C-alpha atoms as a PDB file:
ATOM      1  CA  MET A   1      12.561   0.774  21.226  1.00  0.00           C
ATOM      2  CA  VAL A   2      15.398  -0.840  23.140  1.00  0.00           C
ATOM      3  CA  CYS A   3      15.101  -1.411  26.874  1.00  0.00           C
ATOM      4  CA  LYS A   4      18.350  -1.720  28.854  1.00  0.00           C
ATOM      5  CA  LYS A   5      18.427  -3.779  32.036  1.00  0.00           C
ATOM      6  CA  PRO A   6      21.285  -5.137  34.151  1.00  0.00           C
ATOM      7  CA  ASN A   7      23.263  -7.603  31.995  1.00  0.00           C
ATOM      8  CA  GLU A   8      20.554  -7.464  29.356  1.00  0.00           C
ATOM      9  CA  ILE A   9      19.509  -5.335  26.399  1.00  0.00           C
ATOM     10  CA  ARG A  10      16.077  -6.146  25.114  1.00  0.00           C
ATOM     11  CA  LYS A  11      14.025  -4.798  22.238  1.00  0.00           C
ATOM     12  CA  VAL A  12      10.495  -4.405  23.532  1.00  0.00           C
ATOM     13  CA  ALA A  13       8.655  -2.425  20.837  1.00  0.00           C
ATOM     14  CA  ASN A  14       8.671  -1.209  17.256  1.00  0.00           C
ATOM     15  CA  PHE A  15       7.549   2.387  16.854  1.00  0.00           C
ATOM     16  CA  ALA A  16       5.973   3.779  13.696  1.00  0.00           C
ATOM     17  CA  SER A  17       9.090   5.826  12.799  1.00  0.00           C
ATOM     18  CA  TYR A  18       9.903   3.644   9.843  1.00  0.00           C
ATOM     19  CA  LYS A  19      11.155   6.285   7.370  1.00  0.00           C
ATOM     20  CA  GLU A  20      12.598   9.797   7.126  1.00  0.00           C
ATOM     21  CA  ALA A  21       9.832  12.418   7.048  1.00  0.00           C
ATOM     22  CA  ASN A  22       9.632  16.116   7.974  1.00  0.00           C
ATOM     23  CA  GLY A  23       7.014  18.847   8.253  1.00  0.00           C
ATOM     24  CA  LEU A  24       4.385  16.490   9.622  1.00  0.00           C
ATOM     25  CA  VAL A  25       1.355  17.392  11.731  1.00  0.00           C
ATOM     26  CA  PRO A  26       2.011  15.508  15.005  1.00  0.00           C
ATOM     27  CA  TYR A  27      -1.559  14.655  15.965  1.00  0.00           C
ATOM     28  CA  GLU A  28      -2.291  13.314  12.474  1.00  0.00           C
ATOM     29  CA  PHE A  29       0.244  10.469  12.857  1.00  0.00           C
ATOM     30  CA  TYR A  30      -1.402   7.076  12.544  1.00  0.00           C
ATOM     31  CA  ASN A  31      -2.210   5.823  16.071  1.00  0.00           C
ATOM     32  CA  ILE A  32       0.058   8.476  17.635  1.00  0.00           C
ATOM     33  CA  PHE A  33      -2.059   8.588  20.795  1.00  0.00           C
ATOM     34  CA  ARG A  34      -1.786   4.824  21.315  1.00  0.00           C
ATOM     35  CA  ALA A  35       1.610   5.462  22.971  1.00  0.00           C
ATOM     36  CA  VAL A  36       1.316   8.492  25.228  1.00  0.00           C
ATOM     37  CA  GLY A  37       4.362   7.902  27.396  1.00  0.00           C
ATOM     38  CA  PRO A  38       7.902   9.299  27.194  1.00  0.00           C
ATOM     39  CA  TRP A  39       9.464   6.459  25.196  1.00  0.00           C
ATOM     40  CA  GLY A  40      10.014   7.047  21.493  1.00  0.00           C
ATOM     41  CA  LYS A  41       9.631  10.839  21.610  1.00  0.00           C
ATOM     42  CA  VAL A  42      12.021  13.802  21.625  1.00  0.00           C
ATOM     43  CA  PHE A  43      10.375  17.219  21.919  1.00  0.00           C
ATOM     44  CA  LYS A  44      11.334  20.899  22.058  1.00  0.00           C
ATOM     45  CA  ARG A  45      11.647  22.416  25.518  1.00  0.00           C
ATOM     46  CA  SER A  46      10.107  25.658  24.261  1.00  0.00           C
ATOM     47  CA  THR A  47       6.844  23.900  23.353  1.00  0.00           C
ATOM     48  CA  VAL A  48       6.366  22.912  26.986  1.00  0.00           C
ATOM     49  CA  ILE A  49       7.357  26.315  28.384  1.00  0.00           C
ATOM     50  CA  ASP A  50       5.364  28.401  25.885  1.00  0.00           C
ATOM     51  CA  ASN A  51       2.203  26.403  26.620  1.00  0.00           C
ATOM     52  CA  ASN A  52       2.844  26.256  30.383  1.00  0.00           C
ATOM     53  CA  MET A  53       2.585  22.457  30.396  1.00  0.00           C
ATOM     54  CA  LYS A  54       3.250  20.613  33.625  1.00  0.00           C
ATOM     55  CA  PHE A  55       2.918  17.077  34.870  1.00  0.00           C
ATOM     56  CA  LYS A  56      -0.114  16.714  37.114  1.00  0.00           C
ATOM     57  CA  ASN A  57       0.518  15.286  40.559  1.00  0.00           C
ATOM     58  CA  LEU A  58      -1.220  11.971  39.918  1.00  0.00           C
ATOM     59  CA  LYS A  59      -0.381   8.465  41.041  1.00  0.00           C
ATOM     60  CA  TYR A  60      -1.192   7.165  37.563  1.00  0.00           C
ATOM     61  CA  GLY A  61      -1.900   8.639  34.130  1.00  0.00           C
ATOM     62  CA  GLU A  62      -0.027  11.941  34.409  1.00  0.00           C
ATOM     63  CA  ASP A  63       2.206  11.092  31.428  1.00  0.00           C
ATOM     64  CA  LYS A  64      -0.871  10.254  29.337  1.00  0.00           C
ATOM     65  CA  LEU A  65      -2.307  13.683  30.091  1.00  0.00           C
ATOM     66  CA  PHE A  66       0.984  15.509  29.489  1.00  0.00           C
ATOM     67  CA  TYR A  67       1.869  13.858  26.188  1.00  0.00           C
ATOM     68  CA  SER A  68      -1.660  14.096  24.831  1.00  0.00           C
ATOM     69  CA  GLU A  69      -1.485  17.862  25.303  1.00  0.00           C
ATOM     70  CA  LEU A  70       2.098  18.093  24.041  1.00  0.00           C
ATOM     71  CA  ILE A  71       1.395  16.198  20.820  1.00  0.00           C
ATOM     72  CA  SER A  72      -1.782  18.174  20.188  1.00  0.00           C
ATOM     73  CA  LYS A  73      -0.110  21.568  20.648  1.00  0.00           C
ATOM     74  CA  SER A  74       3.118  20.891  18.749  1.00  0.00           C
ATOM     75  CA  GLN A  75       3.201  22.666  15.384  1.00  0.00           C
ATOM     76  CA  SER A  76       5.269  20.178  13.391  1.00  0.00           C
ATOM     77  CA  ALA A  77       7.140  16.906  13.715  1.00  0.00           C
ATOM     78  CA  SER A  78       9.744  14.758  12.027  1.00  0.00           C
ATOM     79  CA  MET A  79      10.334  11.047  12.218  1.00  0.00           C
ATOM     80  CA  SER A  80      13.453   9.008  11.668  1.00  0.00           C
ATOM     81  CA  PRO A  81      14.207   5.282  11.792  1.00  0.00           C
ATOM     82  CA  GLU A  82      17.651   6.018  13.272  1.00  0.00           C
ATOM     83  CA  PRO A  83      18.075   5.361  17.018  1.00  0.00           C
ATOM     84  CA  VAL A  84      18.758   8.620  18.852  1.00  0.00           C
ATOM     85  CA  TYR A  85      18.716   7.610  22.526  1.00  0.00           C
ATOM     86  CA  HIS A  86      18.039   4.736  24.866  1.00  0.00           C
ATOM     87  CA  VAL A  87      16.044   4.339  28.055  1.00  0.00           C
ATOM     88  CA  ASN A  88      17.403   2.808  31.239  1.00  0.00           C
ATOM     89  CA  ARG A  89      14.600   0.721  32.657  1.00  0.00           C
ATOM     90  CA  TYR A  90      15.639  -1.640  35.413  1.00  0.00           C
ATOM     91  CA  ALA A  91      13.908  -4.893  36.216  1.00  0.00           C
ATOM     92  CA  ASP A  92      13.402  -3.869  39.850  1.00  0.00           C
ATOM     93  CA  ASN A  93      12.406  -0.263  39.158  1.00  0.00           C
ATOM     94  CA  ILE A  94      10.078   1.280  41.710  1.00  0.00           C
ATOM     95  CA  SER A  95       6.880   2.128  39.879  1.00  0.00           C
ATOM     96  CA  LEU A  96       3.551   3.370  41.180  1.00  0.00           C
ATOM     97  CA  ILE A  97       1.883   1.425  38.372  1.00  0.00           C
ATOM     98  CA  LYS A  98       2.781  -1.805  40.155  1.00  0.00           C
ATOM     99  CA  ALA A  99       1.031  -0.510  43.273  1.00  0.00           C
ATOM    100  CA  THR A 100      -2.111   0.582  41.427  1.00  0.00           C
ATOM    101  CA  ASP A 101      -4.861  -1.963  40.817  1.00  0.00           C
ATOM    102  CA  MET A 102      -7.322  -1.886  37.933  1.00  0.00           C
ATOM    103  CA  MET A 103     -10.044  -0.258  40.024  1.00  0.00           C
ATOM    104  CA  GLU A 104      -7.756   2.655  40.918  1.00  0.00           C
ATOM    105  CA  LYS A 105      -6.450   2.939  37.365  1.00  0.00           C
ATOM    106  CA  SER A 106      -9.972   3.241  36.020  1.00  0.00           C
ATOM    107  CA  GLN A 107     -10.634   6.189  38.329  1.00  0.00           C
ATOM    108  CA  PHE A 108      -7.407   7.928  37.309  1.00  0.00           C
ATOM    109  CA  ASN A 109      -8.227   7.284  33.651  1.00  0.00           C
ATOM    110  CA  LEU A 110     -11.646   8.808  34.251  1.00  0.00           C
ATOM    111  CA  ASP A 111      -9.986  11.890  35.766  1.00  0.00           C
ATOM    112  CA  VAL A 112      -7.671  12.124  32.744  1.00  0.00           C
ATOM    113  CA  LEU A 113     -10.680  11.857  30.428  1.00  0.00           C
ATOM    114  CA  LYS A 114     -12.423  14.748  32.202  1.00  0.00           C
ATOM    115  CA  GLU A 115      -9.261  16.885  31.925  1.00  0.00           C
ATOM    116  CA  ILE A 116      -8.930  16.135  28.207  1.00  0.00           C
ATOM    117  CA  ILE A 117     -12.560  17.104  27.617  1.00  0.00           C
ATOM    118  CA  GLN A 118     -11.875  20.535  29.155  1.00  0.00           C
ATOM    119  CA  MET A 119      -8.682  21.231  27.167  1.00  0.00           C
ATOM    120  CA  GLU A 120      -8.619  23.574  24.190  1.00  0.00           C
ATOM    121  CA  LEU A 121      -7.154  21.283  21.536  1.00  0.00           C
ATOM    122  CA  PRO A 122      -7.578  20.873  17.771  1.00  0.00           C
ATOM    123  CA  GLU A 123     -10.833  18.971  17.321  1.00  0.00           C
ATOM    124  CA  TYR A 124      -9.282  16.124  15.327  1.00  0.00           C
ATOM    125  CA  ALA A 125      -6.619  15.647  18.004  1.00  0.00           C
ATOM    126  CA  LYS A 126      -9.208  15.571  20.776  1.00  0.00           C
ATOM    127  CA  GLU A 127     -11.285  12.974  18.927  1.00  0.00           C
ATOM    128  CA  GLN A 128      -8.212  10.762  18.504  1.00  0.00           C
ATOM    129  CA  ILE A 129      -7.343  11.066  22.199  1.00  0.00           C
ATOM    130  CA  LEU A 130     -10.908  10.210  23.217  1.00  0.00           C
ATOM    131  CA  CYS A 131     -10.816   7.230  20.865  1.00  0.00           C
ATOM    132  CA  ARG A 132      -7.602   6.031  22.525  1.00  0.00           C
ATOM    133  CA  ILE A 133      -8.970   6.417  26.055  1.00  0.00           C
ATOM    134  CA  LEU A 134     -12.221   4.694  25.141  1.00  0.00           C
ATOM    135  CA  GLU A 135     -10.766   1.792  23.132  1.00  0.00           C
ATOM    136  CA  MET A 136      -7.600   1.114  25.116  1.00  0.00           C
ATOM    137  CA  ASP A 137      -8.241   2.248  28.692  1.00  0.00           C
ATOM    138  CA  PHE A 138     -11.916   1.365  29.089  1.00  0.00           C
ATOM    139  CA  ILE A 139     -12.501  -1.492  26.652  1.00  0.00           C
ATOM    140  CA  SER A 140      -9.286  -3.375  25.869  1.00  0.00           C
ATOM    141  CA  ARG A 141      -7.613  -2.971  29.289  1.00  0.00           C
ATOM    142  CA  PHE A 142     -10.730  -2.755  31.441  1.00  0.00           C
ATOM    143  CA  LEU A 143     -13.652  -4.772  30.095  1.00  0.00           C
ATOM    144  CA  VAL A 144     -11.850  -7.296  27.862  1.00  0.00           C
ATOM    145  CA  THR A 145      -9.751  -8.626  30.739  1.00  0.00           C
ATOM    146  CA  LYS A 146      -9.536 -11.641  33.008  1.00  0.00           C
ATOM    147  CA  THR A 147      -9.756  -9.224  35.937  1.00  0.00           C
ATOM    148  CA  PHE A 148     -13.253  -8.263  34.818  1.00  0.00           C
ATOM    149  CA  LEU A 149     -14.280 -11.889  34.287  1.00  0.00           C
ATOM    150  CA  ASN A 150     -12.998 -12.961  37.709  1.00  0.00           C
ATOM    151  CA  SER A 151     -14.411  -9.983  39.589  1.00  0.00           C
ATOM    152  CA  ASN A 152     -17.237 -10.454  42.083  1.00  0.00           C
ATOM    153  CA  ASP A 153     -18.126  -6.797  41.635  1.00  0.00           C
ATOM    154  CA  LYS A 154     -18.871  -6.447  37.941  1.00  0.00           C
ATOM    155  CA  ASP A 155     -21.283  -3.630  38.766  1.00  0.00           C
ATOM    156  CA  PHE A 156     -18.246  -1.459  39.484  1.00  0.00           C
ATOM    157  CA  PHE A 157     -16.985  -2.031  35.930  1.00  0.00           C
ATOM    158  CA  TYR A 158     -20.396  -1.233  34.493  1.00  0.00           C
ATOM    159  CA  GLN A 159     -20.724   1.927  36.591  1.00  0.00           C
ATOM    160  CA  GLN A 160     -17.290   3.171  35.511  1.00  0.00           C
ATOM    161  CA  PHE A 161     -18.006   2.524  31.845  1.00  0.00           C
ATOM    162  CA  ASN A 162     -21.392   4.232  32.137  1.00  0.00           C
ATOM    163  CA  GLU A 163     -19.656   7.246  33.681  1.00  0.00           C
ATOM    164  CA  VAL A 164     -17.176   7.322  30.791  1.00  0.00           C
ATOM    165  CA  GLU A 165     -20.059   7.300  28.343  1.00  0.00           C
ATOM    166  CA  SER A 166     -21.832  10.056  30.264  1.00  0.00           C
ATOM    167  CA  VAL A 167     -18.737  12.299  30.228  1.00  0.00           C
ATOM    168  CA  ILE A 168     -18.112  11.777  26.512  1.00  0.00           C
ATOM    169  CA  THR A 169     -21.696  12.186  25.330  1.00  0.00           C
ATOM    170  CA  GLY A 170     -22.187  15.110  27.714  1.00  0.00           C
ATOM    171  CA  ALA A 171     -19.413  16.909  25.841  1.00  0.00           C
ATOM    172  CA  GLY A 172     -21.256  16.442  22.549  1.00  0.00           C
ATOM    173  CA  TYR A 173     -19.448  13.376  21.162  1.00  0.00           C
ATOM    174  CA  GLU A 174     -21.050  10.168  19.896  1.00  0.00           C
ATOM    175  CA  MET A 175     -19.495   7.004  21.285  1.00  0.00           C
ATOM    176  CA  GLU A 176     -19.985   4.912  18.148  1.00  0.00           C
ATOM    177  CA  LYS A 177     -18.360   7.574  15.953  1.00  0.00           C
ATOM    178  CA  LEU A 178     -15.270   7.683  18.180  1.00  0.00           C
ATOM    179  CA  LEU A 179     -14.721   3.916  17.942  1.00  0.00           C
ATOM    180  CA  ILE A 180     -12.617   2.984  14.897  1.00  0.00           C
ATOM    181  CA  ASN A 181     -11.707  -0.648  15.589  1.00  0.00           C
ATOM    182  CA  ASP A 182     -14.397  -3.221  14.719  1.00  0.00           C
ATOM    183  CA  LYS A 183     -13.266  -5.381  17.632  1.00  0.00           C
ATOM    184  CA  TYR A 184     -14.146  -2.642  20.120  1.00  0.00           C
ATOM    185  CA  LYS A 185     -17.282  -1.633  18.228  1.00  0.00           C
ATOM    186  CA  ASN A 186     -18.534  -5.177  18.790  1.00  0.00           C
ATOM    187  CA  VAL A 187     -17.803  -5.007  22.518  1.00  0.00           C
ATOM    188  CA  TYR A 188     -19.689  -1.712  22.768  1.00  0.00           C
ATOM    189  CA  HIS A 189     -22.620  -3.049  20.737  1.00  0.00           C
ATOM    190  CA  THR A 190     -22.851  -6.197  22.881  1.00  0.00           C
ATOM    191  CA  TYR A 191     -22.670  -4.132  26.076  1.00  0.00           C
ATOM    192  CA  HIS A 192     -25.738  -2.153  25.054  1.00  0.00           C
ATOM    193  CA  HIS A 193     -27.758  -4.596  22.967  1.00  0.00           C
ATOM    194  CA  ASN A 194     -26.951  -8.030  24.388  1.00  0.00           C
ATOM    195  CA  GLN A 195     -26.229  -7.335  28.051  1.00  0.00           C
ATOM    196  CA  LYS A 196     -27.288 -10.779  29.276  1.00  0.00           C
ATOM    197  CA  ASN A 197     -24.580 -12.394  27.122  1.00  0.00           C
ATOM    198  CA  PHE A 198     -21.934  -9.706  27.636  1.00  0.00           C
ATOM    199  CA  VAL A 199     -19.789 -11.763  30.024  1.00  0.00           C
ATOM    200  CA  SER A 200     -19.982 -14.733  27.638  1.00  0.00           C
ATOM    201  CA  TYR A 201     -18.776 -12.511  24.808  1.00  0.00           C
ATOM    202  CA  ILE A 202     -15.765 -11.334  26.831  1.00  0.00           C
ATOM    203  CA  GLU A 203     -14.966 -14.977  27.664  1.00  0.00           C
ATOM    204  CA  TYR A 204     -15.088 -15.761  23.954  1.00  0.00           C
ATOM    205  CA  MET A 205     -12.806 -12.814  23.105  1.00  0.00           C
ATOM    206  CA  ILE A 206     -10.186 -13.816  25.667  1.00  0.00           C
ATOM    207  CA  TYR A 207     -10.240 -17.596  25.550  1.00  0.00           C
ATOM    208  CA  GLU A 208     -11.707 -18.775  22.259  1.00  0.00           C
ATOM    209  CA  ALA A 209     -11.409 -16.228  19.428  1.00  0.00           C
ATOM    210  CA  ASN A 210      -8.013 -17.446  18.203  1.00  0.00           C
ATOM    211  CA  ALA A 211      -9.180 -21.062  18.183  1.00  0.00           C
ATOM    212  CA  TYR A 212     -12.058 -20.486  15.766  1.00  0.00           C
ATOM    213  CA  LYS A 213     -10.975 -19.028  12.433  1.00  0.00           C
ATOM    214  CA  TYR A 214     -11.718 -19.711   8.806  1.00  0.00           C
ATOM    215  CA  ILE A 215     -10.821 -18.478   5.320  1.00  0.00           C
ATOM    216  CA  LYS A 216     -13.248 -16.530   3.130  1.00  0.00           C
ATOM    217  CA  ASP A 217     -12.513 -14.348   0.079  1.00  0.00           C
ATOM    218  CA  HIS A 218      -8.816 -14.972   0.698  1.00  0.00           C
ATOM    219  CA  MET A 219      -8.937 -13.370   4.140  1.00  0.00           C
ATOM    220  CA  VAL A 220      -8.904 -14.941   7.609  1.00  0.00           C
ATOM    221  CA  TYR A 221     -12.074 -14.403   9.660  1.00  0.00           C
ATOM    222  CA  PHE A 222     -12.942 -15.099  13.290  1.00  0.00           C
ATOM    223  CA  LYS A 223     -15.915 -17.441  13.789  1.00  0.00           C
ATOM    224  CA  TYR A 224     -18.500 -16.199  16.273  1.00  0.00           C
ATOM    225  CA  PRO A 225     -20.785 -18.340  18.422  1.00  0.00           C
ATOM    226  CA  GLU A 226     -24.374 -18.365  17.163  1.00  0.00           C
ATOM    227  CA  SER A 227     -25.541 -15.888  19.828  1.00  0.00           C
ATOM    228  CA  PHE A 228     -23.237 -13.195  18.407  1.00  0.00           C
ATOM    229  CA  LYS A 229     -23.760 -13.725  14.684  1.00  0.00           C
ATOM    230  CA  ASN A 230     -25.294 -10.231  14.362  1.00  0.00           C
ATOM    231  CA  LEU A 231     -21.931  -8.559  15.091  1.00  0.00           C
ATOM    232  CA  VAL A 232     -19.518  -7.190  12.503  1.00  0.00           C
ATOM    233  CA  GLU A 233     -17.338 -10.022  11.175  1.00  0.00           C
ATOM    234  CA  LEU A 234     -13.758  -9.591  12.356  1.00  0.00           C
ATOM    235  CA  LYS A 235     -10.880 -10.410  10.041  1.00  0.00           C
ATOM    236  CA  THR A 236      -7.118 -10.146  10.310  1.00  0.00           C
ATOM    237  CA  LYS A 237      -5.256  -7.461   8.378  1.00  0.00           C
ATOM    238  CA  CYS A 238      -2.720  -9.950   7.099  1.00  0.00           C
ATOM    239  CA  THR A 239      -2.094 -13.623   7.834  1.00  0.00           C
ATOM    240  CA  ALA A 240       0.907 -15.376   6.309  1.00  0.00           C
ATOM    241  CA  ILE A 241       1.048 -19.194   6.198  1.00  0.00           C
ATOM    242  CA  TYR A 242       3.912 -21.423   5.129  1.00  0.00           C
ATOM    243  CA  ASN A 243       3.113 -23.439   2.003  1.00  0.00           C
ATOM    244  CA  GLY A 244       6.246 -25.561   1.681  1.00  0.00           C
ATOM    245  CA  THR A 245       9.191 -25.853  -0.707  1.00  0.00           C
ATOM    246  CA  ARG A 246       8.572 -25.887  -4.460  1.00  0.00           C
ATOM    247  CA  LEU A 247      10.817 -26.509  -7.444  1.00  0.00           C
ATOM    248  CA  ILE A 248      10.161 -23.803 -10.054  1.00  0.00           C
ATOM    249  CA  ASN A 249      12.300 -23.577 -13.221  1.00  0.00           C
ATOM    250  CA  ASN A 250      15.005 -25.705 -11.579  1.00  0.00           C
ATOM    251  CA  THR A 251      15.173 -23.428  -8.527  1.00  0.00           C
ATOM    252  CA  PHE A 252      13.859 -24.278  -5.067  1.00  0.00           C
ATOM    253  CA  TYR A 253      11.611 -21.672  -3.455  1.00  0.00           C
ATOM    254  CA  GLU A 254      10.027 -21.393  -0.021  1.00  0.00           C
ATOM    255  CA  VAL A 255       6.395 -20.376  -0.529  1.00  0.00           C
ATOM    256  CA  ILE A 256       4.314 -18.304   1.877  1.00  0.00           C
ATOM    257  CA  GLU A 257       0.628 -17.837   1.172  1.00  0.00           C
ATOM    258  CA  LEU A 258      -0.924 -14.459   2.027  1.00  0.00           C
ATOM    259  CA  TYR A 259      -4.462 -13.945   3.297  1.00  0.00           C
ATOM    260  CA  LYS A 260      -4.887 -10.189   3.493  1.00  0.00           C
ATOM    261  CA  GLN A 261      -7.209  -7.252   3.144  1.00  0.00           C
ATOM    262  CA  PRO A 262      -7.107  -5.439  -0.238  1.00  0.00           C
ATOM    263  CA  ASN A 263      -5.271  -2.369   1.092  1.00  0.00           C
ATOM    264  CA  ILE A 264      -2.282  -4.356   2.375  1.00  0.00           C
ATOM    265  CA  ALA A 265       1.022  -3.842   0.538  1.00  0.00           C
ATOM    266  CA  ILE A 266       4.029  -6.047   1.329  1.00  0.00           C
ATOM    267  CA  ASP A 267       7.214  -4.036   1.958  1.00  0.00           C
ATOM    268  CA  ALA A 268       9.794  -6.514   3.201  1.00  0.00           C
ATOM    269  CA  VAL A 269      10.487 -10.072   4.298  1.00  0.00           C
ATOM    270  CA  LYS A 270      12.891 -10.638   7.179  1.00  0.00           C
ATOM    271  CA  LEU A 271      14.445 -13.562   8.978  1.00  0.00           C
ATOM    272  CA  VAL A 272      14.075 -12.706  12.663  1.00  0.00           C
ATOM    273  CA  LYS A 273      15.803 -14.374  15.589  1.00  0.00           C
ATOM    274  CA  ILE A 274      13.254 -16.309  17.633  1.00  0.00           C
ATOM    275  CA  LYS A 275      12.044 -14.251  20.621  1.00  0.00           C
ATOM    276  CA  ASP A 276      14.565 -11.475  19.940  1.00  0.00           C
ATOM    277  CA  ASP A 277      13.768  -9.282  16.951  1.00  0.00           C
ATOM    278  CA  ARG A 278      16.767  -7.001  17.557  1.00  0.00           C
ATOM    279  CA  PHE A 279      18.472  -9.438  15.204  1.00  0.00           C
ATOM    280  CA  SER A 280      17.020  -9.662  11.730  1.00  0.00           C
ATOM    281  CA  LYS A 281      18.057 -10.038   8.112  1.00  0.00           C
ATOM    282  CA  LYS A 282      16.158  -8.914   5.031  1.00  0.00           C
ATOM    283  CA  VAL A 283      15.846 -11.366   2.156  1.00  0.00           C
ATOM    284  CA  ASP A 284      14.864 -10.931  -1.479  1.00  0.00           C
ATOM    285  CA  PHE A 285      11.372 -12.054  -2.381  1.00  0.00           C
ATOM    286  CA  ILE A 286       8.775 -12.108  -5.124  1.00  0.00           C
ATOM    287  CA  VAL A 287       5.040 -11.520  -4.594  1.00  0.00           C
ATOM    288  CA  GLU A 288       2.767 -13.192  -7.114  1.00  0.00           C
ATOM    289  CA  ASN A 289      -0.895 -14.234  -6.879  1.00  0.00           C
ATOM    290  CA  ASP A 290      -1.036 -13.688  -3.101  1.00  0.00           C
ATOM    291  CA  CYS A 291       2.077 -15.776  -2.518  1.00  0.00           C
ATOM    292  CA  ILE A 292       5.576 -14.793  -1.440  1.00  0.00           C
ATOM    293  CA  TYR A 293       8.462 -16.709  -3.009  1.00  0.00           C
ATOM    294  CA  ILE A 294      11.882 -16.807  -1.333  1.00  0.00           C
ATOM    295  CA  LYS A 295      14.801 -18.725  -2.806  1.00  0.00           C
ATOM    296  CA  THR A 296      15.555 -21.633  -0.511  1.00  0.00           C
ATOM    297  CA  ASP A 297      19.278 -20.808  -0.694  1.00  0.00           C
ATOM    298  CA  ASP A 298      18.532 -17.389   0.853  1.00  0.00           C
ATOM    299  CA  LEU A 299      16.822 -18.908   3.860  1.00  0.00           C
ATOM    300  CA  LYS A 300      19.846 -18.925   6.155  1.00  0.00           C
ATOM    301  CA  PHE A 301      20.810 -16.761   9.111  1.00  0.00           C
ATOM    302  CA  GLU A 302      24.264 -17.904  10.260  1.00  0.00           C
ATOM    303  CA  ASP A 303      23.844 -20.032  13.418  1.00  0.00           C
ATOM    304  CA  THR A 304      20.569 -18.376  14.431  1.00  0.00           C
ATOM    305  CA  ASP A 305      17.167 -20.025  14.875  1.00  0.00           C
ATOM    306  CA  PHE A 306      14.609 -17.772  13.232  1.00  0.00           C
ATOM    307  CA  ASN A 307      11.034 -16.966  12.312  1.00  0.00           C
ATOM    308  CA  ILE A 308      10.025 -15.269   9.067  1.00  0.00           C
ATOM    309  CA  SER A 309       8.461 -11.824   9.465  1.00  0.00           C
ATOM    310  CA  ILE A 310       6.373 -10.075   6.811  1.00  0.00           C
ATOM    311  CA  GLN A 311       6.442  -6.264   6.958  1.00  0.00           C
ATOM    312  CA  TYR A 312       3.507  -4.462   5.389  1.00  0.00           C
ATOM    313  CA  ASN A 313       2.007  -0.978   5.003  1.00  0.00           C
ATOM    314  CA  GLY A 314       5.186   0.705   6.169  1.00  0.00           C
ATOM    315  CA  PHE A 315       5.696  -0.677   9.655  1.00  0.00           C
ATOM    316  CA  ASP A 316       3.152  -3.351  10.580  1.00  0.00           C
ATOM    317  CA  GLN A 317       4.582  -6.857  10.884  1.00  0.00           C
ATOM    318  CA  VAL A 318       3.272 -10.391  11.146  1.00  0.00           C
ATOM    319  CA  LEU A 319       5.111 -13.663  11.726  1.00  0.00           C
ATOM    320  CA  VAL A 320       4.516 -16.522   9.304  1.00  0.00           C
ATOM    321  CA  ARG A 321       2.347 -19.284  10.757  1.00  0.00           C
ATOM    322  CA  ALA A 322       2.965 -22.991  10.391  1.00  0.00           C
ATOM    323  CA  THR A 323      -0.630 -24.160   9.890  1.00  0.00           C
ATOM    324  CA  TYR A 324      -3.845 -22.948   8.317  1.00  0.00           C
ATOM    325  CA  PRO A 325      -6.808 -21.591  10.320  1.00  0.00           C
ATOM    326  CA  ASN A 326      -9.379 -24.092  11.464  1.00  0.00           C
ATOM    327  CA  PHE A 327     -12.953 -24.067  12.736  1.00  0.00           C
ATOM    328  CA  ASN A 328     -14.552 -27.281  13.921  1.00  0.00           C
ATOM    329  CA  ASP A 329     -17.332 -27.691  16.491  1.00  0.00           C
ATOM    330  CA  GLN A 330     -16.476 -31.330  17.158  1.00  0.00           C
ATOM    331  CA  SER A 331     -12.715 -31.085  17.672  1.00  0.00           C
ATOM    332  CA  LYS A 332      -9.989 -28.456  17.877  1.00  0.00           C
ATOM    333  CA  LEU A 333      -6.834 -28.376  15.791  1.00  0.00           C
ATOM    334  CA  LYS A 334      -3.814 -28.314  18.092  1.00  0.00           C
ATOM    335  CA  ARG A 335      -1.094 -25.738  17.487  1.00  0.00           C
ATOM    336  CA  GLN A 336      -3.002 -23.877  14.789  1.00  0.00           C
ATOM    337  CA  ASN A 337      -1.547 -20.595  16.102  1.00  0.00           C
ATOM    338  CA  PHE A 338       2.085 -21.745  16.088  1.00  0.00           C
ATOM    339  CA  HIS A 339       4.597 -19.638  14.204  1.00  0.00           C
ATOM    340  CA  LEU A 340       6.967 -21.125  11.678  1.00  0.00           C
ATOM    341  CA  GLU A 341      10.412 -21.818  13.194  1.00  0.00           C
ATOM    342  CA  PHE A 342      13.641 -22.676  11.392  1.00  0.00           C
ATOM    343  CA  ILE A 343      16.423 -24.278  13.430  1.00  0.00           C
ATOM    344  CA  SER A 344      20.016 -23.711  12.345  1.00  0.00           C
ATOM    345  CA  ASP A 345      22.153 -26.785  11.701  1.00  0.00           C
ATOM    346  CA  LYS A 346      25.337 -24.769  12.335  1.00  0.00           C
ATOM    347  CA  LYS A 347      25.039 -24.540  16.099  1.00  0.00           C
ATOM    348  CA  LYS A 348      28.074 -25.754  17.964  1.00  0.00           C
ATOM    349  CA  LEU A 349      27.398 -28.676  20.243  1.00  0.00           C
ATOM    350  CA  PHE A 350      29.052 -28.625  23.659  1.00  0.00           C
ATOM    351  CA  HIS A 351      29.425 -31.686  25.821  1.00  0.00           C
END
């Protein structure tokens, strides 16, 4: 998705439309309900008219409600990687979101949840929408936040989450079955079974999780404090780490070591301009024994400073890191989360 602002065009998101495909069931798209706003979607006018869909007069969340219903009631869908339109979004746009604090948002999200529960939708679609509201709106963006940690009224957060649970279970759904992400399953489990340490767990998630990692079975895991060792171990889908330049059969190669889950398939390797992935360049590569090999001579991108991006499972991407994960109780490794950066030697110098 490209966002156009005065004197600036900025790419702000990659959508899952990574290939040509037709005759798809809209609500079966992977994570389709994670983005329930207007960007990245073109729909038939007749679908809205035939189903008498209208935007609710809400200060916040009306697009979430509208697009959840639209996606669920559409009969078929296509996706294409070709850009078909752009969105004008100005830096100083007047938005009600900016005037809505987290407390208000939680109430609007609760109202949206109650509306969704009452809608006649395909059951699978409704479960996916409820999963999105639960994981994103009431765990990731509500409980796992600095706003929650800094609040002097944490009871409000607990009351809202309890109300969410009451609405969902009252409609016949099981909370734990709706949750699909282990990260959010752990938050929910801690909320109910380790309440006295719940705030400490949120502090760990926000401030410390990325500083305590280790390698096991050729995957990267997050190291929990002792008080949370009963939780499901979290691991990254794919972590790529630079392993230096090697001379193999008289040819220099840049080597990237992969630490990934078994279902991860590497699709592409790209050189991506630092902090601006509108500009990228695919390079040839070889995957062998959990390592990616790129000819050193191919590692050039005109006069552009770049990261290396690994694309996997169709559309997911991860930037190559410069150092290996580290866990040490006595001292912390600085910069262990830094991404690999290559600086062009062709830049013109101006004096």
